[in-house]
Amino acid sequence: MSKLSKMCVVLIAALFAAGSFAVAQGGDLVIAMNGSSEPANLDSQLDPFDSAKVLNNLVADRLVFINPDGAQIEPHLATGWEISDDNLTWTFTLREDVMFQDGTPFNAEAVKANLERIISPETGSGEAAEALGPIASVDVVDEFTVTVTHESPWNSFLYALATQGVMWSPTALAENTPGEFSSLLIGTGPFKLVEWVPNSHVRFERWDGYNWGPSIKQEPGPVALDSVTVKFIDEELVRGTIITTDEANVVWDLPAQFVADYEGNSDYQLLSGYQAGTGMQYVMNVTQPPLDNLLVRRAIRHATNQAGLNNLVYDGRNLVMNTPLNSVHPCYAPELESVYPYDLDGAKALLAEAGYEDRNGDGIVEAYGVAGVEDGSPLVVRWTALSRQAKGEALQAQLRQAGIDLQLEIIPGPVQLERAQKKDFDLIYERQRIALPEVLHIVWFSENDGPGQWAWTGFQDEELDSLLEQMINSLEPSEACDLARQAQHIIQDNALQLPTLSEAVFYVLENNVQGFELGSQGLWFYVYNASVEE
């Protein structure tokens, strides 16, 4: 780039920052979201929940972008990339007209700083570090060229960059503690974070310096919306009806029981999408009684009526799921659907074989001769979740018919992560929304059990680990999916998780909201073209 060109870029950026260009006034968008999904840290380099990643879309960009139409990976802050013949080194060329919201430049040094922050063990990124793969080095070639070299081929690297590789201002990161930065979030995105009140709301205001939107952005320059406010609403009744008041004009994750209220209503728009991945699964802690016993785990599977749950709690709107990956995932294994059919008598027989029988006549079986369990102890299983009390109560009633006392506890996300690390659970909610085979590696590779990681069950199996390693190193999608299916057979045979439907994500919007777009995964949405009409 010539010196004159660089001067022009700086001048244009300064004009945008000063608000010298006319900006369409697009109104104020207010979104109500599930309060139980509020991240503990708004910095998605640190927080593993998808809600943090989606909120980060407002304030930050990534090197590459997943287009909502078919999940193609496209350039964004990177204009292009190449991979070496040995499939180890990625070379990215970067846009030369981008700056962070604090006025510092986006360049190869910034990419290096962000990627090295994510993969550093001291950062504790957990999921993000694991998703980016075994990075050996990040090297600056010149101001707008950077290379990333892996120790072994990592076929999901671009996908990881599009979801986990959010770019922050290195200057702001250096000047603030992680806790302070979570309330600042200095990125290159279309909005600035102006306020975060935990358990209440987070507010973003348009940044007039923005001029490098992804391919879906229809007009150059800043976005139209003046602001976006996201309210955290725990109560399903409130979240299901708040759009009928003046307090929100979008509901993100509308409870299924309220969908019928808005269907066919000309005052509202109803959108929905599914999440390719693990579905609403609950993983089992195999390190302690009672779920260290394979017979008990299999009994729970047989005692669960997925279709009944779907019809009773969700009006049949979700996908019945009996496998480790749901039916919208490209590596779905349909042959596993019939492994654990609903079979109440079969469940009772398995419990009896495991040493559990109902001698008290109260409907709950007790342990007799079960290793590590005092004789006469009722079979109690804890169900630990972030929300969905109604589903838990329906499942509780189902398992009680087999003699299992399912005790429900609803906890916030940070407590869930703490419980998982301490193995202080029996059944715990764990959902991953990733349309790649690598989702299995995240959840089931036994070494992924550190802080911020997701292999929670304590299950260790050399064959499973070997299949998962081969899978993530495969550059051939069909081969990777074949390995993923083999891995799912081991997971299913050992009854390591209780899948409870694959949930549709529903949005309801007032009709005056225009240009609101869902991502290729239904939880993700974009407001690059959104406006709220008066």
Protein backbone atom coordinates (compact mmCIF):
# COMPACT_ATOMS: atom_id res chain seq x y z
CA MET A 1 0.00 0.00 0.00
CA SER A 2 1.39 3.40 -0.94
CA LYS A 3 1.98 6.15 1.60
CA LEU A 4 -0.80 8.19 -0.05
CA SER A 5 -3.23 5.25 0.18
CA LYS A 6 -2.43 4.78 3.84
CA MET A 7 -3.05 8.49 4.48
CA CYS A 8 -6.44 8.19 2.76
CA VAL A 9 -7.38 5.20 4.89
CA VAL A 10 -6.47 7.08 8.07
CA LEU A 11 -8.41 10.14 6.93
CA ILE A 12 -11.53 8.11 6.08
CA ALA A 13 -11.37 6.31 9.41
CA ALA A 14 -11.05 9.60 11.23
CA LEU A 15 -14.03 11.05 9.39
CA PHE A 16 -16.17 8.07 10.33
CA ALA A 17 -15.01 8.26 13.94
CA ALA A 18 -15.96 11.93 14.02
CA GLY A 19 -19.41 11.21 12.63
CA SER A 20 -18.77 13.29 9.49
CA PHE A 21 -20.71 10.92 7.25
CA ALA A 22 -24.50 10.93 7.20
CA VAL A 23 -25.86 7.93 9.09
CA ALA A 24 -29.41 6.64 8.72
CA GLN A 25 -31.29 6.64 11.99
CA GLY A 26 -32.59 3.11 12.43
CA GLY A 27 -34.18 3.26 15.85
CA ASP A 28 -33.55 1.42 19.09
CA LEU A 29 -33.80 -2.36 19.13
CA VAL A 30 -34.73 -3.99 22.46
CA ILE A 31 -34.24 -7.74 22.72
CA ALA A 32 -35.47 -9.94 25.56
CA MET A 33 -33.34 -13.05 26.06
CA ASN A 34 -33.34 -15.96 28.49
CA GLY A 35 -31.78 -14.61 31.67
CA SER A 36 -30.34 -18.00 32.57
CA SER A 37 -28.16 -17.74 29.44
CA GLU A 38 -26.55 -14.45 30.50
CA PRO A 39 -22.78 -15.02 30.31
CA ALA A 40 -20.69 -14.58 33.41
CA ASN A 41 -18.12 -12.78 31.28
CA LEU A 42 -19.03 -10.87 28.13
CA ASP A 43 -15.60 -11.64 26.63
CA SER A 44 -16.16 -14.78 24.56
CA GLN A 45 -12.44 -15.47 24.47
CA LEU A 46 -12.98 -16.41 28.12
CA ASP A 47 -16.66 -17.33 28.45
CA PRO A 48 -17.61 -20.61 26.73
CA PHE A 49 -21.34 -19.97 26.32
CA ASP A 50 -22.77 -19.22 22.87
CA SER A 51 -24.68 -16.25 24.26
CA ALA A 52 -21.36 -14.45 24.82
CA LYS A 53 -20.32 -15.16 21.23
CA VAL A 54 -23.60 -13.82 19.85
CA LEU A 55 -23.43 -10.66 21.96
CA ASN A 56 -19.82 -10.20 20.83
CA ASN A 57 -21.07 -10.05 17.22
CA LEU A 58 -22.35 -6.58 18.06
CA VAL A 59 -19.01 -5.17 19.18
CA ALA A 60 -16.39 -7.22 17.39
CA ASP A 61 -15.48 -8.90 14.12
CA ARG A 62 -13.54 -12.03 13.24
CA LEU A 63 -11.12 -12.90 10.47
CA VAL A 64 -13.76 -14.95 8.66
CA PHE A 65 -17.54 -15.02 8.62
CA ILE A 66 -20.11 -17.82 8.35
CA ASN A 67 -22.74 -16.78 5.85
CA PRO A 68 -26.30 -17.57 7.00
CA ASP A 69 -27.00 -19.16 3.61
CA GLY A 70 -25.48 -22.62 3.83
CA ALA A 71 -22.76 -21.85 6.38
CA GLN A 72 -20.11 -20.96 3.80
CA ILE A 73 -17.02 -19.44 5.35
CA GLU A 74 -16.19 -16.10 3.75
CA PRO A 75 -13.57 -13.36 4.21
CA HIS A 76 -14.22 -10.63 6.75
CA LEU A 77 -11.27 -8.96 8.49
CA ALA A 78 -9.11 -11.30 6.43
CA THR A 79 -9.41 -10.72 2.68
CA GLY A 80 -8.17 -14.21 1.85
CA TRP A 81 -6.07 -17.15 2.99
CA GLU A 82 -3.90 -20.01 1.79
CA ILE A 83 -2.85 -23.27 3.39
CA SER A 84 0.51 -24.95 2.92
CA ASP A 85 0.96 -28.25 1.09
CA ASP A 86 1.47 -30.07 4.39
CA ASN A 87 -1.82 -28.61 5.71
CA LEU A 88 -0.08 -27.08 8.72
CA THR A 89 0.45 -23.38 7.94
CA TRP A 90 -2.33 -20.91 7.19
CA THR A 91 -1.43 -17.55 5.64
CA PHE A 92 -3.98 -14.74 6.01
CA THR A 93 -3.99 -11.41 4.24
CA LEU A 94 -5.83 -8.71 6.15
CA ARG A 95 -7.93 -5.67 5.36
CA GLU A 96 -5.90 -2.47 5.51
CA ASP A 97 -8.75 -0.07 6.41
CA VAL A 98 -9.81 -1.37 9.83
CA MET A 99 -9.30 0.14 13.26
CA PHE A 100 -10.45 -0.70 16.76
CA GLN A 101 -12.98 1.44 18.56
CA ASP A 102 -10.19 3.00 20.65
CA GLY A 103 -8.49 4.29 17.48
CA THR A 104 -5.67 1.74 17.44
CA PRO A 105 -4.96 -0.15 14.20
CA PHE A 106 -6.10 -3.62 13.30
CA ASN A 107 -3.17 -5.43 11.72
CA ALA A 108 -1.13 -8.62 11.84
CA GLU A 109 0.23 -7.75 15.28
CA ALA A 110 -3.33 -7.48 16.58
CA VAL A 111 -4.21 -10.91 15.16
CA LYS A 112 -1.09 -12.39 16.73
CA ALA A 113 -1.90 -10.82 20.11
CA ASN A 114 -5.48 -12.14 20.10
CA LEU A 115 -4.68 -15.68 19.01
CA GLU A 116 -1.80 -15.95 21.44
CA ARG A 117 -4.04 -14.68 24.22
CA ILE A 118 -6.62 -17.36 23.44
CA ILE A 119 -4.18 -20.26 23.35
CA SER A 120 -2.14 -19.17 26.38
CA PRO A 121 -2.83 -21.49 29.36
CA GLU A 122 -2.68 -18.45 31.65
CA THR A 123 -5.73 -16.97 29.90
CA GLY A 124 -7.95 -19.95 30.66
CA SER A 125 -9.85 -19.75 27.38
CA GLY A 126 -10.74 -23.42 27.54
CA GLU A 127 -13.19 -24.07 24.71
CA ALA A 128 -11.83 -21.34 22.44
CA ALA A 129 -8.24 -22.56 22.81
CA GLU A 130 -9.27 -26.15 22.16
CA ALA A 131 -11.33 -25.16 19.11
CA LEU A 132 -8.43 -23.32 17.48
CA GLY A 133 -6.39 -26.51 17.62
CA PRO A 134 -2.72 -27.27 18.42
CA ILE A 135 -1.24 -23.94 17.32
CA ALA A 136 2.55 -24.06 17.32
CA SER A 137 3.15 -20.42 16.34
CA VAL A 138 1.54 -17.21 15.13
CA ASP A 139 3.95 -15.11 13.06
CA VAL A 140 3.75 -11.63 11.57
CA VAL A 141 4.95 -11.62 7.95
CA ASP A 142 4.29 -7.93 7.38
CA GLU A 143 1.79 -5.34 8.59
CA PHE A 144 -1.17 -7.04 6.94
CA THR A 145 -0.03 -10.67 6.58
CA VAL A 146 0.01 -13.24 9.36
CA THR A 147 0.69 -16.98 9.44
CA VAL A 148 -0.67 -19.57 11.85
CA THR A 149 1.12 -22.92 12.06
CA HIS A 150 -0.37 -26.00 13.70
CA GLU A 151 1.49 -28.95 15.13
CA SER A 152 -0.86 -31.24 13.19
CA PRO A 153 -3.55 -30.60 10.54
CA TRP A 154 -6.65 -28.94 11.97
CA ASN A 155 -9.50 -29.13 9.50
CA SER A 156 -11.94 -26.99 11.51
CA PHE A 157 -9.62 -24.01 11.94
CA LEU A 158 -11.63 -21.62 9.75
CA TYR A 159 -14.84 -22.58 11.52
CA ALA A 160 -13.15 -21.98 14.88
CA LEU A 161 -11.94 -18.56 13.74
CA ALA A 162 -15.49 -17.69 12.62
CA THR A 163 -16.99 -18.60 15.99
CA GLN A 164 -14.23 -18.40 18.61
CA GLY A 165 -11.70 -15.99 17.09
CA VAL A 166 -13.15 -12.63 18.10
CA MET A 167 -10.64 -9.76 17.69
CA TRP A 168 -10.11 -7.31 20.58
CA SER A 169 -7.91 -4.24 20.82
CA PRO A 170 -4.52 -5.43 22.14
CA THR A 171 -4.02 -1.99 23.70
CA ALA A 172 -7.28 -2.25 25.66
CA LEU A 173 -6.46 -5.80 26.72
CA ALA A 174 -3.07 -4.68 28.02
CA GLU A 175 -4.49 -1.70 29.91
CA ASN A 176 -7.30 -3.59 31.69
CA THR A 177 -7.72 -6.69 33.78
CA PRO A 178 -9.92 -9.42 32.28
CA GLY A 179 -12.72 -8.38 34.62
CA GLU A 180 -12.43 -4.72 33.62
CA PHE A 181 -12.24 -5.56 29.93
CA SER A 182 -15.47 -7.57 30.09
CA SER A 183 -17.30 -4.29 30.75
CA LEU A 184 -15.46 -2.50 27.91
CA LEU A 185 -15.15 -4.92 24.95
CA ILE A 186 -13.13 -2.75 22.60
CA GLY A 187 -13.47 -4.41 19.20
CA THR A 188 -13.91 -3.44 15.55
CA GLY A 189 -17.65 -4.13 15.42
CA PRO A 190 -20.65 -1.98 14.50
CA PHE A 191 -21.64 -1.13 18.10
CA LYS A 192 -19.88 0.02 21.24
CA LEU A 193 -20.67 -1.49 24.61
CA VAL A 194 -21.90 1.34 26.82
CA GLU A 195 -23.42 -0.43 29.81
CA TRP A 196 -23.65 -3.88 31.34
CA VAL A 197 -25.77 -4.36 34.46
CA PRO A 198 -25.57 -8.07 35.35
CA ASN A 199 -28.92 -9.77 35.86
CA SER A 200 -30.61 -6.81 34.18
CA HIS A 201 -29.43 -5.73 30.72
CA VAL A 202 -26.57 -4.87 28.40
CA ARG A 203 -26.71 -1.86 26.09
CA PHE A 204 -24.82 -1.14 22.87
CA GLU A 205 -24.77 2.06 20.81
CA ARG A 206 -23.88 2.42 17.14
CA TRP A 207 -20.24 3.17 16.32
CA ASP A 208 -20.14 5.62 13.43
CA GLY A 209 -16.58 4.61 12.55
CA TYR A 210 -17.67 1.21 11.24
CA ASN A 211 -17.16 0.58 7.52
CA TRP A 212 -16.11 -3.05 7.01
CA GLY A 213 -19.19 -5.20 7.45
CA PRO A 214 -19.32 -8.81 6.23
CA SER A 215 -20.81 -9.85 2.90
CA ILE A 216 -24.41 -9.83 4.18
CA LYS A 217 -24.27 -6.12 5.04
CA GLN A 218 -26.23 -4.45 2.26
CA GLU A 219 -24.92 -0.89 2.58
CA PRO A 220 -21.38 0.39 3.30
CA GLY A 221 -20.64 2.39 6.38
CA PRO A 222 -22.19 2.22 9.86
CA VAL A 223 -25.30 0.23 10.67
CA ALA A 224 -28.66 1.98 10.84
CA LEU A 225 -29.73 1.02 14.37
CA ASP A 226 -29.02 3.68 16.98
CA SER A 227 -28.76 1.13 19.77
CA VAL A 228 -29.36 -2.44 20.83
CA THR A 229 -30.42 -3.26 24.38
CA VAL A 230 -30.57 -6.87 25.51
CA LYS A 231 -32.65 -7.57 28.60
CA PHE A 232 -32.06 -10.69 30.67
CA ILE A 233 -35.44 -12.22 31.55
CA ASP A 234 -35.48 -15.35 33.69
CA GLU A 235 -39.23 -15.91 33.96
CA GLU A 236 -40.68 -17.75 30.96
CA LEU A 237 -44.09 -16.11 31.44
CA VAL A 238 -42.52 -12.66 31.26
CA ARG A 239 -40.31 -13.56 28.32
CA GLY A 240 -43.25 -15.09 26.49
CA THR A 241 -45.44 -11.99 26.80
CA ILE A 242 -43.05 -9.04 27.08
CA ILE A 243 -43.34 -8.23 23.37
CA THR A 244 -47.02 -7.39 23.91
CA THR A 245 -45.84 -4.46 26.06
CA ASP A 246 -43.55 -1.57 25.17
CA GLU A 247 -40.58 -3.16 26.91
CA ALA A 248 -39.14 -5.19 23.99
CA ASN A 249 -39.65 -5.60 20.28
CA VAL A 250 -37.77 -8.91 19.85
CA VAL A 251 -37.83 -12.05 21.99
CA TRP A 252 -34.78 -14.27 21.54
CA ASP A 253 -35.50 -17.88 22.62
CA LEU A 254 -39.27 -17.59 22.93
CA PRO A 255 -40.56 -20.42 25.15
CA ALA A 256 -42.25 -23.04 22.96
CA GLN A 257 -45.54 -22.88 24.85
CA PHE A 258 -46.01 -19.28 23.65
CA VAL A 259 -45.37 -19.91 19.96
CA ALA A 260 -49.04 -20.54 19.20
CA ASP A 261 -49.90 -17.09 20.60
CA TYR A 262 -48.03 -15.42 17.74
CA GLU A 263 -48.62 -17.82 14.85
CA GLY A 264 -50.84 -16.21 12.24
CA ASN A 265 -50.86 -12.90 14.12
CA SER A 266 -50.25 -10.11 11.61
CA ASP A 267 -48.76 -7.87 14.31
CA TYR A 268 -45.73 -10.14 14.74
CA GLN A 269 -43.09 -12.07 12.84
CA LEU A 270 -42.20 -15.59 14.02
CA LEU A 271 -38.79 -17.03 13.11
CA SER A 272 -37.24 -20.36 14.05
CA GLY A 273 -34.08 -22.36 13.51
CA TYR A 274 -32.46 -25.56 14.74
CA GLN A 275 -29.02 -26.05 16.23
CA ALA A 276 -26.83 -28.73 14.67
CA GLY A 277 -24.90 -30.33 17.51
CA THR A 278 -25.59 -32.32 20.64
CA GLY A 279 -29.14 -31.13 21.22
CA MET A 280 -30.44 -30.67 24.76
CA GLN A 281 -28.36 -33.43 26.29
CA TYR A 282 -27.53 -34.15 29.91
CA VAL A 283 -24.19 -35.87 30.38
CA MET A 284 -23.69 -38.48 33.09
CA ASN A 285 -21.03 -38.44 35.79
CA VAL A 286 -19.53 -41.92 35.61
CA THR A 287 -17.03 -41.32 38.42
CA GLN A 288 -19.41 -41.90 41.34
CA PRO A 289 -22.61 -43.77 42.28
CA PRO A 290 -25.21 -44.17 41.04
CA LEU A 291 -24.18 -43.41 37.45
CA ASP A 292 -20.86 -45.22 37.64
CA ASN A 293 -23.05 -48.28 37.00
CA LEU A 294 -23.68 -48.87 33.29
CA LEU A 295 -26.92 -50.73 34.03
CA VAL A 296 -28.35 -47.71 35.83
CA ARG A 297 -27.35 -45.41 32.99
CA ARG A 298 -29.01 -47.69 30.45
CA ALA A 299 -32.13 -47.92 32.63
CA ILE A 300 -32.44 -44.13 32.59
CA ARG A 301 -32.25 -44.16 28.80
CA HIS A 302 -35.00 -46.78 28.50
CA ALA A 303 -37.21 -44.99 31.06
CA THR A 304 -37.20 -41.72 29.10
CA ASN A 305 -39.99 -41.14 26.60
CA GLN A 306 -38.68 -38.48 24.23
CA ALA A 307 -41.86 -38.21 22.19
CA GLY A 308 -43.88 -37.81 25.38
CA LEU A 309 -41.60 -35.00 26.58
CA ASN A 310 -41.86 -33.25 23.25
CA ASN A 311 -45.64 -33.38 23.10
CA LEU A 312 -46.26 -32.54 26.75
CA VAL A 313 -43.81 -29.68 27.21
CA TYR A 314 -43.13 -28.35 23.72
CA ASP A 315 -46.34 -29.03 21.79
CA GLY A 316 -44.36 -31.39 19.57
CA ARG A 317 -42.31 -28.52 18.13
CA ASN A 318 -38.85 -29.94 18.84
CA LEU A 319 -36.98 -32.85 17.27
CA VAL A 320 -37.07 -36.17 19.10
CA MET A 321 -33.48 -37.19 19.74
CA ASN A 322 -31.96 -40.45 20.94
CA THR A 323 -28.40 -40.10 19.65
CA PRO A 324 -25.20 -38.21 20.58
CA LEU A 325 -25.63 -35.86 17.57
CA ASN A 326 -28.99 -34.59 16.40
CA SER A 327 -30.63 -35.28 13.08
CA VAL A 328 -29.69 -31.88 11.58
CA HIS A 329 -25.98 -32.53 12.11
CA PRO A 330 -24.04 -33.71 9.02
CA CYS A 331 -22.51 -36.58 11.05
CA TYR A 332 -25.82 -37.83 12.47
CA ALA A 333 -25.92 -41.62 12.98
CA PRO A 334 -29.56 -42.69 12.38
CA GLU A 335 -28.82 -46.34 13.15
CA LEU A 336 -28.40 -45.39 16.81
CA GLU A 337 -31.95 -44.07 17.20
CA SER A 338 -33.31 -47.51 18.13
CA VAL A 339 -30.65 -48.50 20.69
CA TYR A 340 -32.66 -47.29 23.71
CA PRO A 341 -36.38 -47.45 22.87
CA TYR A 342 -38.82 -46.38 25.54
CA ASP A 343 -39.20 -49.58 27.58
CA LEU A 344 -40.35 -49.17 31.18
CA ASP A 345 -40.23 -52.90 31.95
CA GLY A 346 -36.77 -53.13 30.47
CA ALA A 347 -35.62 -50.22 32.62
CA LYS A 348 -36.94 -51.90 35.77
CA ALA A 349 -35.22 -55.16 34.85
CA LEU A 350 -31.88 -53.38 34.39
CA LEU A 351 -32.24 -51.69 37.80
CA ALA A 352 -32.99 -55.02 39.44
CA GLU A 353 -29.91 -56.52 37.80
CA ALA A 354 -27.88 -53.59 39.16
CA GLY A 355 -29.11 -54.32 42.71
CA TYR A 356 -31.97 -51.85 43.02
CA GLU A 357 -35.48 -52.94 44.05
CA ASP A 358 -38.47 -51.40 45.78
CA ARG A 359 -38.80 -53.20 49.11
CA ASN A 360 -40.49 -50.24 50.84
CA GLY A 361 -43.36 -50.13 48.41
CA ASP A 362 -43.08 -46.37 47.95
CA GLY A 363 -42.33 -46.59 44.23
CA ILE A 364 -38.63 -45.71 44.54
CA VAL A 365 -36.08 -48.53 44.32
CA GLU A 366 -33.39 -48.95 46.97
CA ALA A 367 -29.84 -50.29 46.75
CA TYR A 368 -29.04 -53.74 48.08
CA GLY A 369 -25.55 -55.07 47.62
CA VAL A 370 -24.50 -52.19 45.37
CA ALA A 371 -20.81 -51.34 45.63
CA GLY A 372 -20.19 -47.99 47.31
CA VAL A 373 -23.85 -47.51 48.28
CA GLU A 374 -25.37 -48.16 51.69
CA ASP A 375 -28.06 -50.84 51.66
CA GLY A 376 -31.56 -49.40 51.67
CA SER A 377 -30.50 -46.10 50.08
CA PRO A 378 -33.10 -44.89 47.58
CA LEU A 379 -31.95 -44.41 43.99
CA VAL A 380 -31.63 -40.64 43.77
CA VAL A 381 -30.29 -38.94 40.64
CA ARG A 382 -29.69 -35.18 40.54
CA TRP A 383 -30.75 -33.33 37.38
CA THR A 384 -28.74 -30.11 37.13
CA ALA A 385 -29.84 -27.56 34.54
CA LEU A 386 -29.80 -23.86 33.72
CA SER A 387 -33.53 -23.65 33.08
CA ARG A 388 -36.48 -25.63 31.64
CA GLN A 389 -38.14 -26.55 34.90
CA ALA A 390 -41.20 -27.86 33.06
CA LYS A 391 -39.13 -30.32 31.07
CA GLY A 392 -37.38 -31.44 34.24
CA GLU A 393 -40.68 -32.05 35.98
CA ALA A 394 -41.96 -34.11 33.04
CA LEU A 395 -38.76 -36.17 33.02
CA GLN A 396 -39.00 -36.55 36.78
CA ALA A 397 -42.46 -38.08 36.41
CA GLN A 398 -41.26 -40.44 33.70
CA LEU A 399 -38.28 -41.77 35.65
CA ARG A 400 -40.34 -42.19 38.80
CA GLN A 401 -42.38 -44.81 36.97
CA ALA A 402 -39.18 -46.88 36.78
CA GLY A 403 -38.43 -46.28 40.47
CA ILE A 404 -35.86 -43.49 40.05
CA ASP A 405 -36.11 -40.37 42.21
CA LEU A 406 -34.97 -37.54 39.92
CA GLN A 407 -34.27 -34.43 41.98
CA LEU A 408 -34.24 -31.15 40.08
CA GLU A 409 -31.93 -28.19 40.63
CA ILE A 410 -31.87 -25.06 38.47
CA ILE A 411 -28.59 -23.15 38.68
CA PRO A 412 -26.93 -20.25 36.79
CA GLY A 413 -24.25 -20.88 34.19
CA PRO A 414 -21.20 -20.02 36.32
CA VAL A 415 -22.34 -22.45 39.02
CA GLN A 416 -22.89 -25.10 36.36
CA LEU A 417 -19.29 -24.77 35.19
CA GLU A 418 -18.02 -24.95 38.76
CA ARG A 419 -20.08 -28.06 39.49
CA ALA A 420 -18.88 -29.70 36.30
CA GLN A 421 -15.22 -29.14 37.14
CA LYS A 422 -15.69 -30.54 40.64
CA LYS A 423 -17.71 -33.51 39.30
CA ASP A 424 -20.46 -32.40 41.69
CA PHE A 425 -23.38 -33.68 39.63
CA ASP A 426 -25.14 -36.78 38.35
CA LEU A 427 -26.90 -35.55 35.21
CA ILE A 428 -25.89 -32.07 34.05
CA TYR A 429 -27.02 -29.99 31.08
CA GLU A 430 -24.41 -29.63 28.36
CA ARG A 431 -25.30 -28.49 24.85
CA GLN A 432 -22.86 -27.71 22.07
CA ARG A 433 -24.10 -26.10 18.86
CA ILE A 434 -21.44 -26.90 16.26
CA ALA A 435 -22.19 -28.23 12.78
CA LEU A 436 -18.84 -30.05 12.57
CA PRO A 437 -17.68 -33.48 13.76
CA GLU A 438 -15.31 -31.71 16.17
CA VAL A 439 -18.22 -31.13 18.53
CA LEU A 440 -17.70 -34.72 19.72
CA HIS A 441 -14.04 -34.03 20.48
CA ILE A 442 -15.02 -31.05 22.63
CA VAL A 443 -17.41 -33.09 24.78
CA TRP A 444 -15.93 -36.60 24.79
CA PHE A 445 -12.13 -36.44 24.38
CA SER A 446 -11.04 -37.36 27.88
CA GLU A 447 -8.24 -34.79 28.13
CA ASN A 448 -10.67 -31.90 27.59
CA ASP A 449 -11.61 -31.77 31.25
CA GLY A 450 -9.84 -28.62 32.46
CA PRO A 451 -11.30 -25.22 33.36
CA GLY A 452 -13.46 -23.87 30.57
CA GLN A 453 -13.51 -27.23 28.80
CA TRP A 454 -16.40 -29.58 28.26
CA ALA A 455 -15.42 -33.25 28.82
CA TRP A 456 -17.29 -33.47 32.10
CA THR A 457 -18.31 -37.11 32.51
CA GLY A 458 -14.98 -38.57 33.65
CA PHE A 459 -15.33 -41.35 31.06
CA GLN A 460 -12.01 -42.57 29.68
CA ASP A 461 -11.70 -44.99 26.78
CA GLU A 462 -8.60 -45.41 24.62
CA GLU A 463 -10.56 -46.43 21.53
CA LEU A 464 -12.88 -43.44 21.80
CA ASP A 465 -9.98 -41.03 22.31
CA SER A 466 -8.14 -42.52 19.33
CA LEU A 467 -11.16 -42.16 17.05
CA LEU A 468 -11.68 -38.56 18.13
CA GLU A 469 -8.03 -37.66 17.52
CA GLN A 470 -8.13 -39.21 14.05
CA MET A 471 -11.35 -37.34 13.39
CA ILE A 472 -10.04 -33.87 14.19
CA ASN A 473 -6.89 -34.46 12.14
CA SER A 474 -8.80 -35.64 9.07
CA LEU A 475 -9.02 -33.12 6.23
CA GLU A 476 -11.60 -35.19 4.36
CA PRO A 477 -15.14 -34.37 5.57
CA SER A 478 -16.61 -37.77 4.72
CA GLU A 479 -13.80 -39.57 6.54
CA ALA A 480 -14.18 -37.28 9.56
CA CYS A 481 -17.92 -37.99 9.70
CA ASP A 482 -17.31 -41.73 9.43
CA LEU A 483 -14.96 -41.54 12.43
CA ALA A 484 -17.54 -39.40 14.24
CA ARG A 485 -20.18 -42.08 13.70
CA GLN A 486 -17.85 -44.76 15.06
CA ALA A 487 -17.25 -42.60 18.13
CA GLN A 488 -20.99 -42.16 18.62
CA HIS A 489 -21.43 -45.93 18.77
CA ILE A 490 -19.08 -46.06 21.77
CA ILE A 491 -20.82 -43.14 23.47
CA GLN A 492 -24.21 -44.72 22.88
CA ASP A 493 -23.16 -48.21 23.98
CA ASN A 494 -21.88 -46.80 27.26
CA ALA A 495 -24.99 -44.65 27.82
CA LEU A 496 -22.91 -41.59 28.65
CA GLN A 497 -25.59 -38.99 27.99
CA LEU A 498 -29.33 -38.53 28.21
CA PRO A 499 -30.50 -36.68 25.09
CA THR A 500 -33.73 -34.79 25.69
CA LEU A 501 -34.86 -33.46 22.33
CA SER A 502 -33.21 -31.16 19.84
CA GLU A 503 -34.67 -27.76 20.51
CA ALA A 504 -35.92 -25.26 17.99
CA VAL A 505 -34.96 -21.68 18.79
CA PHE A 506 -37.93 -19.35 18.32
CA TYR A 507 -37.86 -15.60 17.84
CA VAL A 508 -40.85 -13.32 17.78
CA LEU A 509 -40.49 -9.80 16.40
CA GLU A 510 -42.78 -6.83 16.17
CA ASN A 511 -43.69 -6.07 12.58
CA ASN A 512 -41.84 -2.75 12.71
CA VAL A 513 -38.51 -4.62 13.06
CA GLN A 514 -36.92 -5.03 9.64
CA GLY A 515 -33.69 -6.68 8.47
CA PHE A 516 -33.22 -8.98 11.49
CA GLU A 517 -31.43 -12.11 10.19
CA LEU A 518 -30.83 -15.55 11.67
CA GLY A 519 -27.48 -17.25 11.26
CA SER A 520 -26.96 -20.72 9.82
CA GLN A 521 -27.23 -21.92 13.41
CA GLY A 522 -30.57 -20.77 14.81
CA LEU A 523 -29.15 -19.30 18.01
CA TRP A 524 -27.04 -16.79 16.06
CA PHE A 525 -28.57 -13.63 14.64
CA TYR A 526 -27.30 -10.52 12.88
CA VAL A 527 -28.50 -6.92 12.85
CA TYR A 528 -26.20 -5.43 10.19
CA ASN A 529 -29.27 -4.50 8.12
CA ALA A 530 -31.81 -4.11 10.91
CA SER A 531 -33.98 -1.12 11.69
CA VAL A 532 -36.99 -0.31 13.85
CA GLU A 533 -39.59 1.71 12.01
CA GLU A 534 -41.63 4.33 13.82
